[in-house]
C-alpha atoms as a PDB file:
ATOM      1  CA  MET A   1      13.443  94.587  11.905  1.00  0.00           C
ATOM      2  CA  ASP A   2      11.039  92.281  10.086  1.00  0.00           C
ATOM      3  CA  LEU A   3       9.197  93.060   6.864  1.00  0.00           C
ATOM      4  CA  ARG A   4       5.827  93.632   8.524  1.00  0.00           C
ATOM      5  CA  SER A   5       7.257  96.090  11.065  1.00  0.00           C
ATOM      6  CA  MET A   6       9.104  97.971   8.330  1.00  0.00           C
ATOM      7  CA  LEU A   7       5.885  98.391   6.330  1.00  0.00           C
ATOM      8  CA  ARG A   8       4.048  99.535   9.454  1.00  0.00           C
ATOM      9  CA  PHE A   9       6.711 102.184  10.140  1.00  0.00           C
ATOM     10  CA  ALA A  10       6.547 103.347   6.523  1.00  0.00           C
ATOM     11  CA  SER A  11       2.790 103.884   6.827  1.00  0.00           C
ATOM     12  CA  GLY A  12       3.237 105.973   9.975  1.00  0.00           C
ATOM     13  CA  ARG A  13       2.290 103.287  12.496  1.00  0.00           C
ATOM     14  CA  GLN A  14       4.073 101.705  15.438  1.00  0.00           C
ATOM     15  CA  GLY A  15       6.269  98.709  14.595  1.00  0.00           C
ATOM     16  CA  GLN A  16       3.977  96.288  16.428  1.00  0.00           C
ATOM     17  CA  PRO A  17       0.161  96.520  16.343  1.00  0.00           C
ATOM     18  CA  SER A  18      -2.019  97.230  19.354  1.00  0.00           C
ATOM     19  CA  ALA A  19      -5.151  95.861  17.668  1.00  0.00           C
ATOM     20  CA  VAL A  20      -5.916  92.874  15.440  1.00  0.00           C
ATOM     21  CA  VAL A  21      -8.857  91.475  13.499  1.00  0.00           C
ATOM     22  CA  LEU A  22      -9.860  87.796  13.771  1.00  0.00           C
ATOM     23  CA  ASP A  23     -11.895  85.675  11.377  1.00  0.00           C
ATOM     24  CA  GLY A  24     -12.075  82.295   9.696  1.00  0.00           C
ATOM     25  CA  ARG A  25     -12.924  81.058   6.230  1.00  0.00           C
ATOM     26  CA  THR A  26     -13.751  77.621   4.926  1.00  0.00           C
ATOM     27  CA  LEU A  27     -11.683  76.143   2.111  1.00  0.00           C
ATOM     28  CA  GLN A  28     -13.217  73.304   0.155  1.00  0.00           C
ATOM     29  CA  SER A  29     -11.242  70.098   0.505  1.00  0.00           C
ATOM     30  CA  SER A  30      -9.615  68.091  -2.246  1.00  0.00           C
ATOM     31  CA  CYS A  31      -8.846  64.387  -2.316  1.00  0.00           C
ATOM     32  CA  GLU A  32      -5.502  65.137  -0.610  1.00  0.00           C
ATOM     33  CA  SER A  33      -7.019  66.945   2.380  1.00  0.00           C
ATOM     34  CA  GLY A  34     -10.239  64.937   2.522  1.00  0.00           C
ATOM     35  CA  PRO A  35      -9.370  62.643   5.459  1.00  0.00           C
ATOM     36  CA  ARG A  36      -8.804  65.572   7.841  1.00  0.00           C
ATOM     37  CA  SER A  37     -11.683  67.727   6.601  1.00  0.00           C
ATOM     38  CA  GLY A  38     -14.988  68.473   8.291  1.00  0.00           C
ATOM     39  CA  TYR A  39     -18.376  69.731   7.140  1.00  0.00           C
ATOM     40  CA  ASP A  40     -19.265  73.402   7.590  1.00  0.00           C
ATOM     41  CA  GLY A  41     -23.074  73.437   7.695  1.00  0.00           C
ATOM     42  CA  TYR A  42     -23.298  77.223   7.401  1.00  0.00           C
ATOM     43  CA  LYS A  43     -21.232  77.378   4.192  1.00  0.00           C
ATOM     44  CA  ARG A  44     -22.402  73.933   3.043  1.00  0.00           C
ATOM     45  CA  LYS A  45     -18.838  72.881   2.271  1.00  0.00           C
ATOM     46  CA  ARG A  46     -16.649  69.998   3.268  1.00  0.00           C
ATOM     47  CA  GLY A  47     -13.125  71.141   3.947  1.00  0.00           C
ATOM     48  CA  SER A  48     -10.803  72.964   6.297  1.00  0.00           C
ATOM     49  CA  LYS A  49     -11.280  76.212   8.143  1.00  0.00           C
ATOM     50  CA  VAL A  50      -8.447  78.724   8.136  1.00  0.00           C
ATOM     51  CA  HIS A  51      -8.545  81.012  11.184  1.00  0.00           C
ATOM     52  CA  MET A  52      -6.480  84.187  10.751  1.00  0.00           C
ATOM     53  CA  ALA A  53      -5.403  87.148  12.828  1.00  0.00           C
ATOM     54  CA  VAL A  54      -4.256  90.216  10.883  1.00  0.00           C
ATOM     55  CA  ASP A  55      -3.110  93.655  11.979  1.00  0.00           C
ATOM     56  CA  THR A  56      -5.024  96.793  11.002  1.00  0.00           C
ATOM     57  CA  LEU A  57      -3.130  96.998   7.704  1.00  0.00           C
ATOM     58  CA  GLY A  58      -4.150  93.446   6.765  1.00  0.00           C
ATOM     59  CA  HIS A  59      -0.744  91.846   7.358  1.00  0.00           C
ATOM     60  CA  LEU A  60      -0.883  88.269   8.595  1.00  0.00           C
ATOM     61  CA  LEU A  61       0.088  87.654  12.230  1.00  0.00           C
ATOM     62  CA  ALA A  62      -1.264  84.186  13.007  1.00  0.00           C
ATOM     63  CA  VAL A  63      -2.954  81.281  11.210  1.00  0.00           C
ATOM     64  CA  HIS A  64      -4.601  78.193  12.622  1.00  0.00           C
ATOM     65  CA  VAL A  65      -6.039  75.402  10.431  1.00  0.00           C
ATOM     66  CA  THR A  66      -8.821  73.105  11.667  1.00  0.00           C
ATOM     67  CA  PRO A  67     -11.501  70.880  10.134  1.00  0.00           C
ATOM     68  CA  ALA A  68     -14.392  73.016   8.859  1.00  0.00           C
ATOM     69  CA  ASN A  69     -16.771  71.795  11.558  1.00  0.00           C
ATOM     70  CA  GLU A  70     -14.680  73.488  14.295  1.00  0.00           C
ATOM     71  CA  GLN A  71     -16.232  76.662  15.686  1.00  0.00           C
ATOM     72  CA  GLU A  72     -14.414  79.976  15.308  1.00  0.00           C
ATOM     73  CA  ARG A  73     -14.939  80.825  18.966  1.00  0.00           C
ATOM     74  CA  ALA A  74     -13.003  77.707  20.005  1.00  0.00           C
ATOM     75  CA  GLN A  75      -9.843  79.006  18.276  1.00  0.00           C
ATOM     76  CA  VAL A  76      -9.530  82.314  20.143  1.00  0.00           C
ATOM     77  CA  PHE A  77      -7.067  81.005  22.733  1.00  0.00           C
ATOM     78  CA  GLU A  78      -4.579  79.684  20.154  1.00  0.00           C
ATOM     79  CA  LEU A  79      -4.870  82.740  17.892  1.00  0.00           C
ATOM     80  CA  CYS A  80      -4.369  85.188  20.767  1.00  0.00           C
ATOM     81  CA  GLU A  81      -1.427  83.197  22.084  1.00  0.00           C
ATOM     82  CA  ALA A  82       0.229  83.224  18.642  1.00  0.00           C
ATOM     83  CA  VAL A  83      -0.491  86.933  18.134  1.00  0.00           C
ATOM     84  CA  GLN A  84       1.057  87.903  21.468  1.00  0.00           C
ATOM     85  CA  THR A  85       4.109  85.750  20.760  1.00  0.00           C
ATOM     86  CA  VAL A  86       4.676  87.338  17.349  1.00  0.00           C
ATOM     87  CA  THR A  87       4.096  90.929  18.481  1.00  0.00           C
ATOM     88  CA  GLY A  88       5.854  90.792  21.843  1.00  0.00           C
ATOM     89  CA  HIS A  89       2.618  91.185  23.833  1.00  0.00           C
ATOM     90  CA  THR A  90       1.679  94.584  22.339  1.00  0.00           C
ATOM     91  CA  VAL A  91      -1.864  93.692  21.245  1.00  0.00           C
ATOM     92  CA  GLU A  92      -4.612  94.955  23.542  1.00  0.00           C
ATOM     93  CA  LEU A  93      -7.706  94.750  21.337  1.00  0.00           C
ATOM     94  CA  ALA A  94      -9.164  92.240  18.869  1.00  0.00           C
ATOM     95  CA  TRP A  95     -12.166  92.809  16.626  1.00  0.00           C
ATOM     96  CA  ALA A  96     -14.212  89.847  15.432  1.00  0.00           C
ATOM     97  CA  ASP A  97     -17.557  88.972  13.880  1.00  0.00           C
ATOM     98  CA  GLN A  98     -20.549  87.316  15.536  1.00  0.00           C
ATOM     99  CA  GLY A  99     -18.933  83.894  15.252  1.00  0.00           C
ATOM    100  CA  TYR A 100     -16.870  84.872  18.294  1.00  0.00           C
ATOM    101  CA  THR A 101     -19.728  85.741  20.663  1.00  0.00           C
ATOM    102  CA  GLY A 102     -19.906  84.211  24.089  1.00  0.00           C
ATOM    103  CA  GLU A 103     -18.182  84.314  27.420  1.00  0.00           C
ATOM    104  CA  GLN A 104     -15.555  81.636  26.693  1.00  0.00           C
ATOM    105  CA  PRO A 105     -13.943  83.450  23.720  1.00  0.00           C
ATOM    106  CA  ARG A 106     -13.851  86.643  25.783  1.00  0.00           C
ATOM    107  CA  ARG A 107     -12.127  84.812  28.662  1.00  0.00           C
ATOM    108  CA  ASP A 108      -9.686  83.129  26.255  1.00  0.00           C
ATOM    109  CA  ALA A 109      -8.682  86.518  24.836  1.00  0.00           C
ATOM    110  CA  GLN A 110      -8.428  88.089  28.303  1.00  0.00           C
ATOM    111  CA  ALA A 111      -6.101  85.279  29.368  1.00  0.00           C
ATOM    112  CA  HIS A 112      -3.613  86.781  26.901  1.00  0.00           C
ATOM    113  CA  GLY A 113      -4.320  90.409  27.809  1.00  0.00           C
ATOM    114  CA  ILE A 114      -6.558  91.099  24.805  1.00  0.00           C
ATOM    115  CA  GLU A 115     -10.026  92.648  24.903  1.00  0.00           C
ATOM    116  CA  LEU A 116     -12.290  90.901  22.371  1.00  0.00           C
ATOM    117  CA  GLN A 117     -14.859  93.184  20.745  1.00  0.00           C
ATOM    118  CA  VAL A 118     -17.542  91.537  18.629  1.00  0.00           C
ATOM    119  CA  ILE A 119     -18.737  93.769  15.772  1.00  0.00           C
ATOM    120  CA  LYS A 120     -22.397  92.978  15.204  1.00  0.00           C
ATOM    121  CA  LEU A 121     -24.488  93.470  12.101  1.00  0.00           C
ATOM    122  CA  ALA A 122     -27.349  95.931  12.573  1.00  0.00           C
ATOM    123  CA  GLU A 123     -30.528  93.852  12.756  1.00  0.00           C
ATOM    124  CA  ALA A 124     -32.620  96.250  10.666  1.00  0.00           C
ATOM    125  CA  LYS A 125     -30.244  96.153   7.686  1.00  0.00           C
ATOM    126  CA  LYS A 126     -30.547  93.683   4.842  1.00  0.00           C
ATOM    127  CA  GLY A 127     -28.069  92.850   2.126  1.00  0.00           C
ATOM    128  CA  PHE A 128     -24.380  93.723   2.127  1.00  0.00           C
ATOM    129  CA  VAL A 129     -23.235  95.953   4.963  1.00  0.00           C
ATOM    130  CA  LEU A 130     -19.624  97.007   5.432  1.00  0.00           C
ATOM    131  CA  LEU A 131     -18.813  96.361   9.087  1.00  0.00           C
ATOM    132  CA  PRO A 132     -16.318  98.706  10.723  1.00  0.00           C
ATOM    133  CA  LYS A 133     -12.831  97.227  11.228  1.00  0.00           C
ATOM    134  CA  ARG A 134     -13.951  93.791  10.003  1.00  0.00           C
ATOM    135  CA  TRP A 135     -13.378  94.548   6.337  1.00  0.00           C
ATOM    136  CA  VAL A 136      -9.612  94.435   6.935  1.00  0.00           C
ATOM    137  CA  VAL A 137      -9.530  90.662   7.482  1.00  0.00           C
ATOM    138  CA  GLU A 138     -11.979  90.076   4.629  1.00  0.00           C
ATOM    139  CA  ARG A 139      -9.620  91.980   2.335  1.00  0.00           C
ATOM    140  CA  SER A 140      -6.746  89.797   3.549  1.00  0.00           C
ATOM    141  CA  PHE A 141      -8.749  86.674   2.709  1.00  0.00           C
ATOM    142  CA  ALA A 142      -9.364  88.101  -0.768  1.00  0.00           C
ATOM    143  CA  TRP A 143      -5.627  88.736  -1.217  1.00  0.00           C
ATOM    144  CA  ALA A 144      -4.880  85.121  -0.281  1.00  0.00           C
ATOM    145  CA  ALA A 145      -7.623  83.777  -2.558  1.00  0.00           C
ATOM    146  CA  ARG A 146      -5.860  85.314  -5.577  1.00  0.00           C
ATOM    147  CA  PHE A 147      -3.282  82.543  -5.251  1.00  0.00           C
ATOM    148  CA  ARG A 148      -4.593  79.354  -6.820  1.00  0.00           C
ATOM    149  CA  ARG A 149      -2.905  77.145  -4.232  1.00  0.00           C
ATOM    150  CA  LEU A 150      -4.996  78.805  -1.482  1.00  0.00           C
ATOM    151  CA  ALA A 151      -8.302  78.805  -3.346  1.00  0.00           C
ATOM    152  CA  LYS A 152      -8.916  75.239  -2.182  1.00  0.00           C
ATOM    153  CA  ASP A 153      -7.294  72.995   0.407  1.00  0.00           C
ATOM    154  CA  TYR A 154      -4.933  70.818  -1.640  1.00  0.00           C
ATOM    155  CA  GLU A 155      -2.568  69.965   1.196  1.00  0.00           C
ATOM    156  CA  ARG A 156      -2.200  66.661   2.999  1.00  0.00           C
ATOM    157  CA  LEU A 157      -0.902  68.348   6.186  1.00  0.00           C
ATOM    158  CA  PRO A 158      -2.457  71.422   7.842  1.00  0.00           C
ATOM    159  CA  ASP A 159       1.016  72.817   8.637  1.00  0.00           C
ATOM    160  CA  VAL A 160       1.759  73.052   4.902  1.00  0.00           C
ATOM    161  CA  LEU A 161      -1.440  75.045   4.348  1.00  0.00           C
ATOM    162  CA  ARG A 162      -0.489  77.287   7.271  1.00  0.00           C
ATOM    163  CA  GLY A 163       3.009  77.824   5.882  1.00  0.00           C
ATOM    164  CA  LEU A 164       1.660  78.667   2.441  1.00  0.00           C
ATOM    165  CA  HIS A 165      -0.386  81.475   3.982  1.00  0.00           C
ATOM    166  CA  PHE A 166       2.749  83.023   5.472  1.00  0.00           C
ATOM    167  CA  LEU A 167       4.570  82.623   2.150  1.00  0.00           C
ATOM    168  CA  VAL A 168       1.745  84.294   0.229  1.00  0.00           C
ATOM    169  CA  PHE A 169       1.633  87.240   2.614  1.00  0.00           C
ATOM    170  CA  ALA A 170       5.400  87.676   2.331  1.00  0.00           C
ATOM    171  CA  ILE A 171       4.998  87.736  -1.463  1.00  0.00           C
ATOM    172  CA  LEU A 172       2.239  90.331  -1.102  1.00  0.00           C
ATOM    173  CA  MET A 173       4.364  92.558   1.156  1.00  0.00           C
ATOM    174  CA  LEU A 174       7.545  92.473  -0.951  1.00  0.00           C
ATOM    175  CA  PRO A 175       6.423  94.914  -3.692  1.00  0.00           C
ATOM    176  CA  LYS A 176       5.606  97.470  -0.983  1.00  0.00           C
ATOM    177  CA  ALA A 177       8.977  96.924   0.706  1.00  0.00           C
ATOM    178  CA  ILE A 178      11.256  97.180  -2.344  1.00  0.00           C
ATOM    179  CA  PRO A 179      10.893 100.987  -2.712  1.00  0.00           C
ATOM    180  CA  LEU A 180      11.625 101.354   1.007  1.00  0.00           C
ATOM    181  CA  LEU A 181      14.730  99.205   0.773  1.00  0.00           C
ATOM    182  CA  THR A 182      16.091 101.026  -2.263  1.00  0.00           C
ATOM    183  CA  ALA A 183      15.435 104.450  -0.655  1.00  0.00           C
ATOM    184  CA  THR A 184      17.451 103.502   2.446  1.00  0.00           C
ATOM    185  CA  GLY A 185      20.204 101.792   0.461  1.00  0.00           C
ATOM    186  CA  ASN A 186      19.601  98.364   2.018  1.00  0.00           C
ATOM    187  CA  ALA A 187      18.767  96.627  -1.258  1.00  0.00           C
END
């Protein structure tokens, strides 16, 4: 049993998730990552975009790194494929923000047996609004941003940045797992 599944069991959930949350964030580039970076006009940053899929507890399932000018909706196929591989095809539902609207992202998710639901911001509201289900991935981004190495894209290769995300989430899960391991006598 892997660490993520163990923590899910301990919180009273199934070992593998049936729903995930998708989103992307732009990391500003450094001189090391500059040649592979792109410009995100919405965030007004030059850098890389990290696309993540997390389960409903905020645990990382899949990461995909692209130049910042790549659209989030174009990464749905790869994220869904990675999520289904990691979970053993248990995921049936994915929540995402308005960056994932359109017919193509929906078809890409359906190709992997996942229903993509776009959570939209109420048009009458202004200012900060907590969107249902979406806050989970935003919290995961905040957890990752606490690590200086992931506050900016310092890496020459996107695979290193991807691997660092998995390392950081393993570090974040370990303190929760240690009491479980000592209680069962596995430590």
